[in-house]
Amino acid sequence: MANMGLKEEIKEELGDLDKRMELERKKLDGSRLGLVDLITEKFVSRKLLVWICASVFLWMTKITPDEWTAITLGYVGIEGMADIAAKWRSAGKQG
C-alpha cells in the first residue's frame, strides 16, 4: 500500500508539470516551436522528475535500492537514446 501513495505523489507532481508546460506553451504560442519539440521537452522533464523523485524516495527509504537501480537504469538508457537521436538529427541537417 505504500507504493500507492508513491504513485499518487508522482501523479500529482506530473499534473503540476503538465500545468506548467501548458503555461509555457501559451507563452511560446507565437514562436515556431513545433509539436514534436513540445512533446520531447515534456518527456525529458518528466523522466528527470521521476528520477529525482526516485532518488528522494530512496533517501526516505520509501523504495528499495533495487527499485532505484531499475529506475536509474531506465533513465540512463532513455537519456542515451535521446543523445543518439539528437546527434542523428543534427547530422541529417548538416548533410
C-alpha atoms as a PDB file:
ATOM      1  CA  MET A   1       0.000   0.000   0.000  1.00  0.00           C
ATOM      2  CA  ALA A   2       2.976   2.337   0.479  1.00  0.00           C
ATOM      3  CA  ASN A   3       3.548   2.179  -3.269  1.00  0.00           C
ATOM      4  CA  MET A   4       0.036   3.514  -3.894  1.00  0.00           C
ATOM      5  CA  GLY A   5       0.982   6.664  -2.002  1.00  0.00           C
ATOM      6  CA  LEU A   6       4.140   6.939  -4.054  1.00  0.00           C
ATOM      7  CA  LYS A   7       2.195   6.562  -7.280  1.00  0.00           C
ATOM      8  CA  GLU A   8      -0.283   9.227  -6.214  1.00  0.00           C
ATOM      9  CA  GLU A   9       2.536  11.622  -5.296  1.00  0.00           C
ATOM     10  CA  ILE A  10       4.180  11.091  -8.686  1.00  0.00           C
ATOM     11  CA  LYS A  11       0.852  11.604 -10.487  1.00  0.00           C
ATOM     12  CA  GLU A  12       0.338  14.843  -8.577  1.00  0.00           C
ATOM     13  CA  GLU A  13       3.829  16.078  -9.484  1.00  0.00           C
ATOM     14  CA  LEU A  14       3.255  15.189 -13.131  1.00  0.00           C
ATOM     15  CA  GLY A  15      -0.083  17.014 -13.082  1.00  0.00           C
ATOM     16  CA  ASP A  16       1.683  20.129 -11.798  1.00  0.00           C
ATOM     17  CA  LEU A  17       4.285  19.725 -14.524  1.00  0.00           C
ATOM     18  CA  ASP A  18       1.520  19.479 -17.134  1.00  0.00           C
ATOM     19  CA  LYS A  19       0.081  22.775 -15.913  1.00  0.00           C
ATOM     20  CA  ARG A  20       3.475  24.478 -16.054  1.00  0.00           C
ATOM     21  CA  MET A  21       4.127  23.114 -19.548  1.00  0.00           C
ATOM     22  CA  GLU A  22       0.749  24.417 -20.693  1.00  0.00           C
ATOM     23  CA  LEU A  23       1.624  27.879 -19.401  1.00  0.00           C
ATOM     24  CA  GLU A  24       4.991  27.733 -21.165  1.00  0.00           C
ATOM     25  CA  ARG A  25       3.318  26.592 -24.376  1.00  0.00           C
ATOM     26  CA  LYS A  26       0.979  29.571 -24.213  1.00  0.00           C
ATOM     27  CA  LYS A  27       3.969  31.881 -23.753  1.00  0.00           C
ATOM     28  CA  LEU A  28       5.599  30.361 -26.828  1.00  0.00           C
ATOM     29  CA  ASP A  29       2.380  30.485 -28.840  1.00  0.00           C
ATOM     30  CA  GLY A  30       3.778  32.977 -31.335  1.00  0.00           C
ATOM     31  CA  SER A  31       7.081  31.160 -31.793  1.00  0.00           C
ATOM     32  CA  ARG A  32       7.937  28.422 -34.260  1.00  0.00           C
ATOM     33  CA  LEU A  33       8.355  25.661 -31.662  1.00  0.00           C
ATOM     34  CA  GLY A  34       6.894  22.502 -33.164  1.00  0.00           C
ATOM     35  CA  LEU A  35       4.606  19.952 -31.581  1.00  0.00           C
ATOM     36  CA  VAL A  36       7.342  17.287 -31.570  1.00  0.00           C
ATOM     37  CA  ASP A  37       9.655  19.652 -29.706  1.00  0.00           C
ATOM     38  CA  LEU A  38       6.975  20.385 -27.110  1.00  0.00           C
ATOM     39  CA  ILE A  39       6.340  16.678 -26.576  1.00  0.00           C
ATOM     40  CA  THR A  40      10.069  15.940 -26.363  1.00  0.00           C
ATOM     41  CA  GLU A  41      10.655  18.707 -23.826  1.00  0.00           C
ATOM     42  CA  LYS A  42       7.746  17.468 -21.744  1.00  0.00           C
ATOM     43  CA  PHE A  43       9.039  13.877 -21.832  1.00  0.00           C
ATOM     44  CA  VAL A  44      12.557  14.904 -20.862  1.00  0.00           C
ATOM     45  CA  SER A  45      11.224  16.906 -17.938  1.00  0.00           C
ATOM     46  CA  ARG A  46       9.032  14.055 -16.789  1.00  0.00           C
ATOM     47  CA  LYS A  47      11.732  11.416 -16.817  1.00  0.00           C
ATOM     48  CA  LEU A  48      14.133  13.685 -14.956  1.00  0.00           C
ATOM     49  CA  LEU A  49      11.417  14.449 -12.413  1.00  0.00           C
ATOM     50  CA  VAL A  50      10.743  10.727 -11.943  1.00  0.00           C
ATOM     51  CA  TRP A  51      14.453  10.058 -11.398  1.00  0.00           C
ATOM     52  CA  ILE A  52      14.733  12.909  -8.890  1.00  0.00           C
ATOM     53  CA  CYS A  53      11.635  11.651  -7.050  1.00  0.00           C
ATOM     54  CA  ALA A  54      13.057   8.133  -7.015  1.00  0.00           C
ATOM     55  CA  SER A  55      16.300   9.426  -5.505  1.00  0.00           C
ATOM     56  CA  VAL A  56      14.407  11.302  -2.818  1.00  0.00           C
ATOM     57  CA  PHE A  57      12.228   8.280  -2.079  1.00  0.00           C
ATOM     58  CA  LEU A  58      15.332   6.102  -1.810  1.00  0.00           C
ATOM     59  CA  TRP A  59      16.785   8.577   0.675  1.00  0.00           C
ATOM     60  CA  MET A  60      13.475   8.472   2.581  1.00  0.00           C
ATOM     61  CA  THR A  61      13.534   4.626   2.389  1.00  0.00           C
ATOM     62  CA  LYS A  62      10.185   4.578   0.551  1.00  0.00           C
ATOM     63  CA  ILE A  63      11.690   2.413  -2.195  1.00  0.00           C
ATOM     64  CA  THR A  64      14.385  -0.262  -2.156  1.00  0.00           C
ATOM     65  CA  PRO A  65      17.828   0.150  -3.668  1.00  0.00           C
ATOM     66  CA  ASP A  66      16.848  -2.450  -6.299  1.00  0.00           C
ATOM     67  CA  GLU A  67      13.857  -0.344  -7.358  1.00  0.00           C
ATOM     68  CA  TRP A  68      16.026   2.766  -7.514  1.00  0.00           C
ATOM     69  CA  THR A  69      18.578   0.896  -9.631  1.00  0.00           C
ATOM     70  CA  ALA A  70      15.865  -0.145 -12.087  1.00  0.00           C
ATOM     71  CA  ILE A  71      14.605   3.435 -12.370  1.00  0.00           C
ATOM     72  CA  THR A  72      18.146   4.765 -12.794  1.00  0.00           C
ATOM     73  CA  LEU A  73      18.961   2.219 -15.497  1.00  0.00           C
ATOM     74  CA  GLY A  74      15.790   3.217 -17.318  1.00  0.00           C
ATOM     75  CA  TYR A  75      16.670   6.905 -17.029  1.00  0.00           C
ATOM     76  CA  VAL A  76      20.229   6.374 -18.248  1.00  0.00           C
ATOM     77  CA  GLY A  77      19.017   4.199 -21.117  1.00  0.00           C
ATOM     78  CA  ILE A  78      16.448   6.739 -22.247  1.00  0.00           C
ATOM     79  CA  GLU A  79      18.984   9.574 -21.925  1.00  0.00           C
ATOM     80  CA  GLY A  80      21.422   7.601 -24.075  1.00  0.00           C
ATOM     81  CA  MET A  81      18.775   7.062 -26.738  1.00  0.00           C
ATOM     82  CA  ALA A  82      17.863  10.755 -26.644  1.00  0.00           C
ATOM     83  CA  ASP A  83      21.516  11.733 -27.134  1.00  0.00           C
ATOM     84  CA  ILE A  84      21.853   9.344 -30.068  1.00  0.00           C
ATOM     85  CA  ALA A  85      18.666  10.707 -31.620  1.00  0.00           C
ATOM     86  CA  ALA A  86      19.853  14.303 -31.206  1.00  0.00           C
ATOM     87  CA  LYS A  87      23.194  13.528 -32.869  1.00  0.00           C
ATOM     88  CA  TRP A  88      21.455  11.687 -35.700  1.00  0.00           C
ATOM     89  CA  ARG A  89      19.020  14.551 -36.163  1.00  0.00           C
ATOM     90  CA  SER A  90      21.767  17.186 -36.270  1.00  0.00           C
ATOM     91  CA  ALA A  91      23.858  15.066 -38.655  1.00  0.00           C
ATOM     92  CA  GLY A  92      20.888  14.885 -41.042  1.00  0.00           C
ATOM     93  CA  LYS A  93      20.566  18.694 -41.093  1.00  0.00           C
ATOM     94  CA  GLN A  94      24.253  19.148 -41.904  1.00  0.00           C
ATOM     95  CA  GLY A  95      24.286  16.699 -44.806  1.00  0.00           C
END
